[in-house]
Amino acid sequence: MFGGSYGMPGSNRTSSPAGSTVSRSTFTNNWAGVDDNGNGSTYVVYNTDIAHGGKLMITEVGNDFSKRDHLGVFHTPLAGAPDNGRSAAPSFGTYQGREYMIYEAGERLAGNIAIARAV
């Protein structure tokens, strides 16, 4: 959804700013963030392999990870640079009031680090 916008469903925030409750998963290529808009839930953003589109997907898992509500595509990679058909390992942050996603773009072990700004 970059080149457009990105965010947690039902939230006014696209990533949690400094001071919010944010946790990173210990699993490679996953990111977990707590929705601090009062909805009281946790979301995980993860990638599919390039054979399945190389997309970043989002799933609501609830605060105790007992829920599994697949919400669909979070980001579809660009066919050309920088994504070259694959996006993976997202991390999120805020700088000077703008939200960003830093991620792995391109083929595994031959890719680049890319940055996308929410719009």
Protein backbone atom coordinates (compact mmCIF):
# COMPACT_ATOMS: atom_id res chain seq x y z
CA MET A 1 0.00 0.00 0.00
CA PHE A 2 2.99 2.31 -0.24
CA GLY A 3 2.91 4.87 -2.90
CA GLY A 4 -0.48 5.24 -1.26
CA SER A 5 -0.70 4.87 2.48
CA TYR A 6 -0.33 2.22 5.11
CA GLY A 7 -1.78 1.63 8.53
CA MET A 8 -3.45 -0.54 11.08
CA PRO A 9 -7.13 -1.08 10.32
CA GLY A 10 -9.38 1.03 12.50
CA SER A 11 -6.49 3.16 13.70
CA ASN A 12 -5.56 6.77 13.17
CA ARG A 13 -1.90 5.84 13.31
CA THR A 14 0.13 4.09 10.69
CA SER A 15 2.93 3.11 13.02
CA SER A 16 3.45 3.58 16.71
CA PRO A 17 5.43 6.71 17.58
CA ALA A 18 8.09 6.82 20.26
CA GLY A 19 6.62 6.18 23.68
CA SER A 20 3.90 3.83 22.45
CA THR A 21 3.80 0.16 23.23
CA VAL A 22 5.59 -1.55 20.36
CA SER A 23 7.14 -4.98 20.37
CA ARG A 24 9.18 -6.77 17.76
CA SER A 25 8.65 -10.42 17.20
CA THR A 26 11.55 -12.79 17.68
CA PHE A 27 10.64 -14.36 14.34
CA THR A 28 12.47 -13.23 11.23
CA ASN A 29 10.49 -11.05 8.81
CA ASN A 30 7.69 -10.29 11.26
CA TRP A 31 6.70 -7.13 13.06
CA ALA A 32 4.15 -6.86 15.84
CA GLY A 33 2.62 -3.58 16.89
CA VAL A 34 0.03 -2.72 19.50
CA ASP A 35 -2.80 -0.53 18.24
CA ASP A 36 -2.62 2.47 20.54
CA ASN A 37 -5.83 4.01 19.21
CA GLY A 38 -7.89 2.36 21.92
CA ASN A 39 -8.94 -0.72 19.97
CA GLY A 40 -6.86 -2.91 22.28
CA SER A 41 -5.40 -5.30 19.74
CA THR A 42 -2.08 -6.38 18.27
CA TYR A 43 -1.20 -6.72 14.57
CA VAL A 44 1.54 -8.68 12.86
CA VAL A 45 3.00 -7.67 9.48
CA TYR A 46 4.85 -10.45 7.62
CA ASN A 47 5.93 -11.30 4.10
CA THR A 48 5.08 -13.96 1.56
CA ASP A 49 7.81 -15.48 -0.58
CA ILE A 50 8.44 -14.16 -4.08
CA ALA A 51 6.67 -17.16 -5.65
CA HIS A 52 3.50 -16.01 -3.85
CA GLY A 53 3.82 -12.36 -4.80
CA GLY A 54 6.45 -11.09 -2.33
CA LYS A 55 3.75 -9.07 -0.55
CA LEU A 56 3.59 -7.81 3.02
CA MET A 57 0.47 -9.12 4.74
CA ILE A 58 -1.22 -8.01 7.98
CA THR A 59 -3.04 -10.14 10.55
CA GLU A 60 -4.77 -9.05 13.74
CA VAL A 61 -3.71 -11.42 16.52
CA GLY A 62 -5.19 -9.81 19.63
CA ASN A 63 -3.23 -8.88 22.72
CA ASP A 64 -2.75 -12.50 23.78
CA PHE A 65 -2.14 -13.80 20.23
CA SER A 66 -5.25 -16.02 20.43
CA LYS A 67 -6.98 -14.27 17.52
CA ARG A 68 -6.20 -14.79 13.84
CA ASP A 69 -7.98 -12.32 11.59
CA HIS A 70 -6.17 -12.14 8.26
CA LEU A 71 -6.74 -8.59 7.01
CA GLY A 72 -5.01 -9.00 3.68
CA VAL A 73 -2.28 -7.17 1.80
CA PHE A 74 -0.45 -4.42 3.70
CA HIS A 75 1.97 -3.57 0.87
CA THR A 76 2.26 -4.84 -2.69
CA PRO A 77 5.83 -4.63 -3.97
CA LEU A 78 6.64 -2.63 -7.06
CA ALA A 79 7.59 -4.71 -10.10
CA GLY A 80 10.63 -2.47 -10.67
CA ALA A 81 13.10 -0.77 -8.36
CA PRO A 82 13.44 -0.70 -5.49
CA ASP A 83 11.18 -3.70 -4.70
CA ASN A 84 11.79 -5.77 -7.83
CA GLY A 85 8.79 -7.92 -6.95
CA ARG A 86 9.57 -8.60 -3.27
CA SER A 87 9.21 -6.78 0.06
CA ALA A 88 10.18 -8.33 3.40
CA ALA A 89 11.31 -7.72 6.99
CA PRO A 90 9.41 -4.48 7.69
CA SER A 91 10.29 -2.12 10.53
CA PHE A 92 8.37 1.04 11.31
CA GLY A 93 9.23 4.39 12.80
CA THR A 94 8.34 8.05 12.97
CA TYR A 95 10.68 10.93 12.18
CA GLN A 96 9.65 14.57 12.46
CA GLY A 97 6.00 13.59 12.51
CA ARG A 98 6.15 11.43 9.36
CA GLU A 99 5.77 7.66 9.45
CA TYR A 100 8.17 5.40 7.59
CA MET A 101 8.61 1.73 6.80
CA ILE A 102 12.15 0.43 6.32
CA TYR A 103 12.21 -2.95 4.62
CA GLU A 104 14.15 -5.45 2.57
CA ALA A 105 13.49 -5.00 -1.15
CA GLY A 106 14.35 -7.37 -3.98
CA GLU A 107 15.49 -10.97 -4.05
CA ARG A 108 16.65 -12.57 -0.85
CA LEU A 109 20.40 -12.22 -0.28
CA ALA A 110 20.66 -9.93 -3.31
CA GLY A 111 18.27 -7.19 -2.26
CA ASN A 112 18.48 -3.67 -0.91
CA ILE A 113 17.25 -1.79 2.12
CA ALA A 114 14.35 0.44 1.08
CA ILE A 115 12.42 3.15 2.84
CA ALA A 116 8.80 4.14 2.23
CA ARG A 117 6.94 7.12 3.64
CA ALA A 118 3.26 6.98 4.53
CA VAL A 119 1.14 9.40 2.55
